[in-house]
Amino acid sequence: MPRFIRITLRGVVLLILFISAIALWKREEITRLLAVNSLFNAKKIVHNFSHMNEAFLNTPIPRGQGAVSELVKGNTIELPAEVEGWIKERNVTSLIVLKDGQMVFEDYYLDTHADDLRMSWSVAKSFLSALVGILLEEGAIASIDDPVIKYVPSLKGSAYEDASLRNVLQMSSGVVFDEDYLDKDSDINRMGRTIALGGSLDDFSASLKDSFVKPGVEMQYVSIDTHVVGMVVRGATGRTVADLISEKIVTPLGFEKQPYYVTDGEGVAFVLGGLNLTTRDYARFGLMIAQDGQYGGQQVVPKAWLRASTMATANTKEGDRKYGYQWWIPETGATEGEFFALGVYGQYIYINRPLGVVIASNAADRGFKNEGVGAANIEIMRLIARGL
């Protein structure tokens, strides 16, 4: 064999060995990146949303040693006929309805099960809001009008330098951030790749330098604001969000399965959307909120905080859906005490205090952004509530 061919073959072998070594070294990161790229695939999305721990770094949220709290079962209701069509059309995977504290409907779809730990997406934001209310009452956080840099000095020089905790709770930081889940080059998807590759969300947040308006002037939904809320919580307490959520919310509510958070490469909880728990435990949380923070004879979250955080206080545009402190209020026809937690692809905790109704629903709806879908989902939940 000619010498130059031997040299070329040797080079190819060495290149193959080098690439193989890199692939082995970065195997977990590559696996997670591939998982991100196929997360919303039509054939995989239902499975993925109940098995996020197979694709991402994660940390458990201890449920404590206490007994599982009972979800009292009432007389099972028959849902309005329109709901069956909605379940199929919107790829609903679970639905639980509570009336006056009793579970009157529970079902699971698309080969999912009651013990699945389901991805919350942005429903997680409302859990974090409840935690902030607890920390305010305890004094760990002095005021929501404190600047975020009081608790997170690393944000000095970023677009968050002049923002208060109130601003980020109301999604009114003014930070430039593209939230388009369907654009692979958007900021939200860049952030997803940061998580998949083991990067730091704290560093990602501090790297944002541009603002389109001063903090507090205009509400624009940007999920990275919620990560900054989590940074404030950690900075104020010196503890992880998973540890705090376990102690302050999960254990008092007697969750039936240990939840977990998806995390970044530094073990920091993906608080803006990485919470995973059963639909029954979503319902337990919703019931506590509907009962003004009381659960099992204990005041878990301050009533005054819940009343304030579920009011339409953010500066939303005319005709848009209203917003409080990480809670949504319907854009039309809302009655006092009607609000909801919302996650992309069809995750909901709908609460109607006047009617005594809590609805927890999960889905894998790839058409969630289609025009009118969000409003139609709320109308279905109103239809269920009125029927009770």
Protein backbone atom coordinates (compact mmCIF):
# COMPACT_ATOMS: atom_id res chain seq x y z
CA MET A 1 0.00 0.00 0.00
CA PRO A 2 1.46 3.39 -0.98
CA ARG A 3 2.73 5.48 1.92
CA PHE A 4 0.38 8.45 1.35
CA ILE A 5 -2.65 6.11 1.45
CA ARG A 6 -1.42 4.61 4.73
CA ILE A 7 -1.03 8.14 6.15
CA THR A 8 -4.51 9.13 4.93
CA LEU A 9 -6.13 6.01 6.41
CA ARG A 10 -4.28 6.57 9.67
CA GLY A 11 -5.61 10.14 9.74
CA VAL A 12 -9.18 8.97 9.10
CA VAL A 13 -8.91 6.38 11.89
CA LEU A 14 -7.52 8.98 14.28
CA LEU A 15 -10.32 11.40 13.33
CA ILE A 16 -12.93 8.70 13.92
CA LEU A 17 -11.40 7.86 17.29
CA PHE A 18 -11.30 11.55 18.22
CA ILE A 19 -14.94 12.09 17.27
CA SER A 20 -15.93 8.93 19.16
CA ALA A 21 -14.09 10.11 22.25
CA ILE A 22 -15.80 13.51 22.10
CA ALA A 23 -19.19 11.83 21.58
CA LEU A 24 -18.59 9.56 24.59
CA TRP A 25 -17.39 12.48 26.74
CA LYS A 26 -20.38 14.61 25.77
CA ARG A 27 -22.86 11.75 25.50
CA GLU A 28 -25.28 13.08 28.12
CA GLU A 29 -25.27 16.60 26.68
CA ILE A 30 -25.81 15.28 23.15
CA THR A 31 -28.62 13.02 24.36
CA ARG A 32 -30.34 15.94 26.09
CA LEU A 33 -29.92 18.18 23.06
CA LEU A 34 -31.49 15.53 20.84
CA ALA A 35 -34.30 15.21 23.38
CA VAL A 36 -34.95 18.96 23.22
CA ASN A 37 -35.07 18.83 19.43
CA SER A 38 -37.64 16.01 19.48
CA LEU A 39 -39.52 17.07 22.61
CA PHE A 40 -42.64 18.20 20.75
CA ASN A 41 -42.61 15.56 18.02
CA ALA A 42 -46.19 14.45 17.33
CA LYS A 43 -45.42 10.78 18.04
CA LYS A 44 -43.39 11.46 21.19
CA ILE A 45 -44.96 14.47 22.87
CA VAL A 46 -47.43 12.61 25.10
CA HIS A 47 -44.75 10.25 26.40
CA ASN A 48 -42.20 13.05 26.78
CA PHE A 49 -44.50 15.23 28.88
CA SER A 50 -44.81 12.42 31.46
CA HIS A 51 -41.14 11.40 31.37
CA MET A 52 -39.09 14.59 31.35
CA ASN A 53 -36.60 13.00 33.75
CA GLU A 54 -35.53 10.69 30.92
CA ALA A 55 -34.25 13.65 28.93
CA PHE A 56 -33.16 16.34 31.39
CA LEU A 57 -31.13 16.83 34.51
CA ASN A 58 -33.50 17.01 37.46
CA THR A 59 -33.70 17.28 41.23
CA PRO A 60 -36.29 15.69 43.55
CA ILE A 61 -38.64 17.72 45.72
CA PRO A 62 -39.03 15.70 48.94
CA ARG A 63 -42.65 15.18 49.91
CA GLY A 64 -41.86 14.70 53.59
CA GLN A 65 -42.82 11.82 55.86
CA GLY A 66 -46.44 12.80 56.41
CA ALA A 67 -49.48 10.94 55.16
CA VAL A 68 -50.95 11.63 51.74
CA SER A 69 -53.82 14.07 52.11
CA GLU A 70 -57.17 12.74 51.04
CA LEU A 71 -58.92 14.08 47.98
CA VAL A 72 -62.48 13.48 49.11
CA LYS A 73 -64.55 11.88 46.37
CA GLY A 74 -68.00 13.28 45.73
CA ASN A 75 -70.71 12.00 43.42
CA THR A 76 -69.20 11.57 39.96
CA ILE A 77 -70.65 14.00 37.45
CA GLU A 78 -71.33 13.60 33.75
CA LEU A 79 -69.51 16.28 31.79
CA PRO A 80 -71.29 18.40 29.17
CA ALA A 81 -71.27 16.80 25.71
CA GLU A 82 -68.97 19.49 24.31
CA VAL A 83 -66.18 18.45 26.67
CA GLU A 84 -65.65 15.07 25.00
CA GLY A 85 -64.90 16.73 21.67
CA TRP A 86 -62.59 19.23 23.37
CA ILE A 87 -60.63 16.42 25.06
CA LYS A 88 -59.92 14.77 21.71
CA GLU A 89 -59.28 17.94 19.75
CA ARG A 90 -56.88 19.43 22.29
CA ASN A 91 -54.95 16.21 23.05
CA VAL A 92 -55.95 16.34 26.72
CA THR A 93 -54.13 13.74 28.82
CA SER A 94 -55.82 14.25 32.20
CA LEU A 95 -58.77 16.06 33.72
CA ILE A 96 -59.78 16.45 37.38
CA VAL A 97 -62.74 18.52 38.59
CA LEU A 98 -63.29 19.53 42.22
CA LYS A 99 -66.55 21.01 43.48
CA ASP A 100 -66.74 22.44 47.01
CA GLY A 101 -63.58 20.56 47.95
CA GLN A 102 -64.72 17.18 46.62
CA MET A 103 -63.40 15.40 43.53
CA VAL A 104 -66.37 14.86 41.23
CA PHE A 105 -64.53 13.87 38.06
CA GLU A 106 -61.17 12.24 37.25
CA ASP A 107 -59.99 10.64 34.04
CA TYR A 108 -56.82 10.03 31.99
CA TYR A 109 -56.38 9.80 28.25
CA LEU A 110 -53.92 8.82 25.49
CA ASP A 111 -52.53 5.90 27.51
CA THR A 112 -51.44 8.09 30.42
CA HIS A 113 -52.02 7.21 34.06
CA ALA A 114 -52.87 8.76 37.41
CA ASP A 115 -49.35 8.31 38.78
CA ASP A 116 -47.62 10.04 35.83
CA LEU A 117 -45.48 13.00 36.87
CA ARG A 118 -46.60 15.54 34.29
CA MET A 119 -44.62 18.52 33.03
CA SER A 120 -46.16 21.74 34.31
CA TRP A 121 -44.60 24.15 31.88
CA SER A 122 -45.61 27.63 33.08
CA VAL A 123 -48.09 26.39 35.69
CA ALA A 124 -44.89 26.18 37.75
CA LYS A 125 -44.82 29.99 37.83
CA SER A 126 -47.90 30.08 40.04
CA PHE A 127 -46.28 27.70 42.53
CA LEU A 128 -43.30 30.06 42.76
CA SER A 129 -45.63 33.02 43.29
CA ALA A 130 -47.19 31.24 46.28
CA LEU A 131 -43.71 30.65 47.71
CA VAL A 132 -42.88 34.35 47.38
CA GLY A 133 -45.98 35.19 49.42
CA ILE A 134 -44.85 32.87 52.20
CA LEU A 135 -41.33 34.34 52.26
CA LEU A 136 -42.74 37.87 52.41
CA GLU A 137 -44.80 36.99 55.47
CA GLU A 138 -41.80 35.33 57.09
CA GLY A 139 -39.64 38.37 56.42
CA ALA A 140 -37.01 36.70 54.24
CA ILE A 141 -38.08 39.10 51.47
CA ALA A 142 -38.74 42.60 52.79
CA SER A 143 -40.90 43.98 49.98
CA ILE A 144 -41.85 43.21 46.39
CA ASP A 145 -40.81 46.78 45.61
CA ASP A 146 -37.21 45.94 46.47
CA PRO A 147 -34.91 45.99 43.42
CA VAL A 148 -33.96 42.48 42.36
CA ILE A 149 -30.27 43.38 42.64
CA LYS A 150 -30.73 43.76 46.41
CA TYR A 151 -30.94 39.97 46.53
CA VAL A 152 -29.07 39.14 43.30
CA PRO A 153 -26.02 41.44 42.90
CA SER A 154 -24.89 39.43 39.85
CA LEU A 155 -27.69 41.10 37.85
CA LYS A 156 -26.01 44.50 38.10
CA GLY A 157 -25.19 45.68 34.59
CA SER A 158 -27.90 43.47 33.05
CA ALA A 159 -31.30 44.51 31.70
CA TYR A 160 -32.68 43.66 35.16
CA GLU A 161 -30.62 46.23 37.06
CA ASP A 162 -33.52 48.69 37.48
CA ALA A 163 -36.31 46.09 37.86
CA SER A 164 -38.11 45.40 41.14
CA LEU A 165 -39.45 42.08 42.34
CA ARG A 166 -42.96 43.40 41.59
CA ASN A 167 -41.90 44.10 38.00
CA VAL A 168 -40.70 40.55 37.37
CA LEU A 169 -43.70 39.02 39.16
CA GLN A 170 -45.94 41.00 36.79
CA MET A 171 -43.87 40.13 33.68
CA SER A 172 -43.14 43.84 33.35
CA SER A 173 -39.34 43.94 33.41
CA GLY A 174 -39.11 45.48 29.93
CA VAL A 175 -36.39 42.97 29.02
CA VAL A 176 -36.08 42.02 25.35
CA PHE A 177 -36.78 38.26 25.12
CA ASP A 178 -38.37 36.27 22.28
CA GLU A 179 -40.88 33.75 23.71
CA ASP A 180 -41.80 32.05 20.40
CA TYR A 181 -41.70 28.30 21.08
CA LEU A 182 -42.16 27.55 17.38
CA ASP A 183 -39.02 29.47 16.33
CA LYS A 184 -35.92 27.34 16.92
CA ASP A 185 -33.76 30.48 17.13
CA SER A 186 -35.95 32.28 19.69
CA ASP A 187 -34.62 33.20 23.13
CA ILE A 188 -36.88 30.65 24.82
CA ASN A 189 -35.48 27.85 22.66
CA ARG A 190 -31.91 29.10 23.11
CA MET A 191 -32.60 28.86 26.81
CA GLY A 192 -33.82 25.28 26.34
CA ARG A 193 -30.58 24.37 24.62
CA THR A 194 -28.67 26.02 27.47
CA ILE A 195 -30.39 23.63 29.87
CA ALA A 196 -29.83 20.62 27.61
CA LEU A 197 -26.13 21.34 27.29
CA GLY A 198 -25.63 21.80 31.02
CA GLY A 199 -25.32 25.58 30.97
CA SER A 200 -26.25 28.11 33.66
CA LEU A 201 -29.61 29.89 33.62
CA ASP A 202 -28.26 32.44 36.10
CA ASP A 203 -25.52 33.35 33.62
CA PHE A 204 -28.06 33.34 30.79
CA SER A 205 -30.24 35.84 32.71
CA ALA A 206 -27.30 38.10 33.54
CA SER A 207 -26.29 38.09 29.86
CA LEU A 208 -29.51 39.85 28.79
CA LYS A 209 -28.64 43.50 28.26
CA ASP A 210 -31.42 45.01 26.13
CA SER A 211 -34.73 46.56 27.21
CA PHE A 212 -37.60 47.79 25.07
CA VAL A 213 -39.22 49.87 27.82
CA LYS A 214 -38.57 50.85 31.43
CA PRO A 215 -39.58 48.31 34.11
CA GLY A 216 -43.23 48.51 35.17
CA VAL A 217 -44.46 50.39 32.12
CA GLU A 218 -45.80 47.49 30.08
CA MET A 219 -46.54 43.83 30.67
CA GLN A 220 -44.90 41.54 28.11
CA TYR A 221 -44.82 37.84 28.89
CA VAL A 222 -41.20 36.70 29.09
CA SER A 223 -40.54 33.52 31.04
CA ILE A 224 -37.01 34.52 31.98
CA ASP A 225 -38.59 37.05 34.40
CA THR A 226 -39.72 34.08 36.49
CA HIS A 227 -36.19 32.71 36.62
CA VAL A 228 -35.18 36.07 38.10
CA VAL A 229 -37.95 35.67 40.72
CA GLY A 230 -36.32 32.35 41.58
CA MET A 231 -32.91 34.03 41.81
CA VAL A 232 -34.39 36.50 44.30
CA VAL A 233 -35.86 33.64 46.35
CA ARG A 234 -32.50 31.87 46.48
CA GLY A 235 -30.62 35.07 47.20
CA ALA A 236 -32.98 36.06 50.01
CA THR A 237 -32.92 32.68 51.75
CA GLY A 238 -29.64 31.02 50.81
CA ARG A 239 -31.67 27.88 50.01
CA THR A 240 -32.75 26.08 46.87
CA VAL A 241 -36.25 26.52 45.48
CA ALA A 242 -36.77 22.74 45.53
CA ASP A 243 -35.98 22.66 49.26
CA LEU A 244 -38.29 25.61 49.99
CA ILE A 245 -41.18 24.30 47.86
CA SER A 246 -40.83 20.95 49.65
CA GLU A 247 -41.04 22.49 53.11
CA LYS A 248 -43.54 25.27 52.49
CA ILE A 249 -45.96 23.74 49.96
CA VAL A 250 -45.48 20.07 49.04
CA THR A 251 -45.27 18.68 52.59
CA PRO A 252 -48.17 20.73 54.03
CA LEU A 253 -50.39 19.69 51.11
CA GLY A 254 -49.58 15.99 51.53
CA PHE A 255 -48.66 15.31 47.92
CA GLU A 256 -49.06 11.66 46.95
CA LYS A 257 -45.91 11.37 44.82
CA GLN A 258 -42.51 13.03 45.10
CA PRO A 259 -42.33 15.75 42.42
CA TYR A 260 -39.18 16.93 40.72
CA TYR A 261 -37.80 19.98 38.94
CA VAL A 262 -35.90 19.92 35.69
CA THR A 263 -32.59 21.72 36.37
CA ASP A 264 -29.78 23.44 34.53
CA GLY A 265 -26.19 22.23 34.60
CA GLU A 266 -25.59 23.80 38.01
CA GLY A 267 -28.52 22.00 39.63
CA VAL A 268 -30.65 25.16 39.68
CA ALA A 269 -34.37 24.44 39.36
CA PHE A 270 -36.07 25.42 36.10
CA VAL A 271 -38.67 27.34 38.11
CA LEU A 272 -40.33 28.97 35.11
CA GLY A 273 -41.64 25.66 33.79
CA GLY A 274 -39.77 22.59 34.99
CA LEU A 275 -42.02 21.33 37.79
CA ASN A 276 -43.32 17.77 37.37
CA LEU A 277 -46.10 16.28 39.51
CA THR A 278 -49.29 14.24 39.27
CA THR A 279 -52.56 15.81 38.17
CA ARG A 280 -54.03 14.98 41.59
CA ASP A 281 -51.26 17.04 43.18
CA TYR A 282 -51.97 19.91 40.79
CA ALA A 283 -55.54 19.65 42.07
CA ARG A 284 -54.40 19.71 45.71
CA PHE A 285 -52.46 22.91 45.05
CA GLY A 286 -55.44 24.44 43.24
CA LEU A 287 -57.77 23.54 46.11
CA MET A 288 -55.44 25.22 48.61
CA ILE A 289 -55.40 28.37 46.47
CA ALA A 290 -59.19 28.32 46.07
CA GLN A 291 -59.52 28.06 49.87
CA ASP A 292 -57.55 31.30 50.35
CA GLY A 293 -54.37 29.43 51.22
CA GLN A 294 -55.88 27.04 53.78
CA TYR A 295 -55.42 23.29 53.57
CA GLY A 296 -55.90 20.59 56.17
CA GLY A 297 -56.56 23.15 58.90
CA GLN A 298 -53.33 25.03 58.17
CA GLN A 299 -52.76 28.44 56.56
CA VAL A 300 -50.19 27.41 53.95
CA VAL A 301 -50.06 30.65 51.92
CA PRO A 302 -51.15 34.05 53.28
CA LYS A 303 -54.69 34.94 52.23
CA ALA A 304 -53.82 38.58 51.56
CA TRP A 305 -51.02 37.55 49.19
CA LEU A 306 -53.29 35.24 47.20
CA ARG A 307 -55.95 37.93 46.89
CA ALA A 308 -53.32 40.42 45.66
CA SER A 309 -51.51 38.04 43.32
CA THR A 310 -54.68 36.91 41.53
CA MET A 311 -55.90 40.44 40.77
CA ALA A 312 -55.34 42.03 37.35
CA THR A 313 -52.60 44.49 38.34
CA ALA A 314 -50.10 44.23 35.47
CA ASN A 315 -50.17 46.85 32.71
CA THR A 316 -51.57 44.64 29.95
CA LYS A 317 -52.70 45.96 26.58
CA GLU A 318 -56.37 46.68 25.94
CA GLY A 319 -58.21 43.48 25.09
CA ASP A 320 -55.41 41.18 26.21
CA ARG A 321 -55.72 38.52 28.87
CA LYS A 322 -55.06 40.06 32.31
CA TYR A 323 -52.19 39.23 34.65
CA GLY A 324 -51.32 39.45 38.34
CA TYR A 325 -48.30 37.99 40.11
CA GLN A 326 -47.70 34.89 37.96
CA TRP A 327 -51.45 34.20 37.67
CA TRP A 328 -53.76 34.82 34.70
CA ILE A 329 -57.24 36.39 34.71
CA PRO A 330 -59.59 35.86 31.72
CA GLU A 331 -59.66 38.77 29.27
CA THR A 332 -63.45 38.86 29.07
CA GLY A 333 -66.32 38.13 31.44
CA ALA A 334 -64.15 37.44 34.48
CA THR A 335 -65.87 37.45 37.84
CA GLU A 336 -64.01 38.25 41.04
CA GLY A 337 -62.23 35.09 42.16
CA GLU A 338 -61.91 33.56 38.68
CA PHE A 339 -58.30 33.04 37.57
CA PHE A 340 -55.93 30.33 36.38
CA ALA A 341 -52.41 29.01 36.09
CA LEU A 342 -51.43 28.31 32.50
CA GLY A 343 -48.69 26.30 30.80
CA VAL A 344 -47.93 25.92 27.10
CA TYR A 345 -49.33 22.90 25.27
CA GLY A 346 -52.48 22.95 27.41
CA GLN A 347 -51.64 22.79 31.13
CA TYR A 348 -54.22 24.46 33.41
CA ILE A 349 -55.28 24.95 36.98
CA TYR A 350 -58.58 26.85 36.67
CA ILE A 351 -60.10 28.29 39.83
CA ASN A 352 -63.56 29.78 40.23
CA ARG A 353 -64.01 30.72 43.89
CA PRO A 354 -67.64 31.94 43.63
CA LEU A 355 -68.69 28.58 42.16
CA GLY A 356 -66.38 26.53 44.40
CA VAL A 357 -64.72 24.87 41.40
CA VAL A 358 -61.13 23.82 40.74
CA ILE A 359 -60.14 22.15 37.46
CA ALA A 360 -56.70 20.63 36.87
CA SER A 361 -55.97 19.62 33.31
CA ASN A 362 -52.92 18.48 31.37
CA ALA A 363 -52.47 18.12 27.62
CA ALA A 364 -49.99 17.67 24.80
CA ASP A 365 -51.65 20.12 22.44
CA ARG A 366 -49.36 21.07 19.57
CA GLY A 367 -52.02 23.52 18.36
CA PHE A 368 -52.15 25.48 21.61
CA LYS A 369 -51.09 28.73 19.91
CA ASN A 370 -53.75 28.63 17.21
CA GLU A 371 -56.07 31.61 17.23
CA GLY A 372 -58.86 31.36 19.78
CA VAL A 373 -57.66 28.13 21.41
CA GLY A 374 -56.78 29.69 24.77
CA ALA A 375 -60.10 31.52 25.08
CA ALA A 376 -62.01 28.39 24.00
CA ASN A 377 -60.25 26.34 26.69
CA ILE A 378 -61.39 28.77 29.37
CA GLU A 379 -64.95 28.66 28.01
CA ILE A 380 -64.93 24.85 28.30
CA MET A 381 -63.83 25.12 31.92
CA ARG A 382 -66.51 27.73 32.57
CA LEU A 383 -69.04 25.38 30.97
CA ILE A 384 -67.97 22.60 33.34
CA ALA A 385 -68.09 24.95 36.34
CA ARG A 386 -71.55 26.32 35.51
CA GLY A 387 -72.84 22.78 35.02
CA LEU A 388 -72.02 21.99 38.62
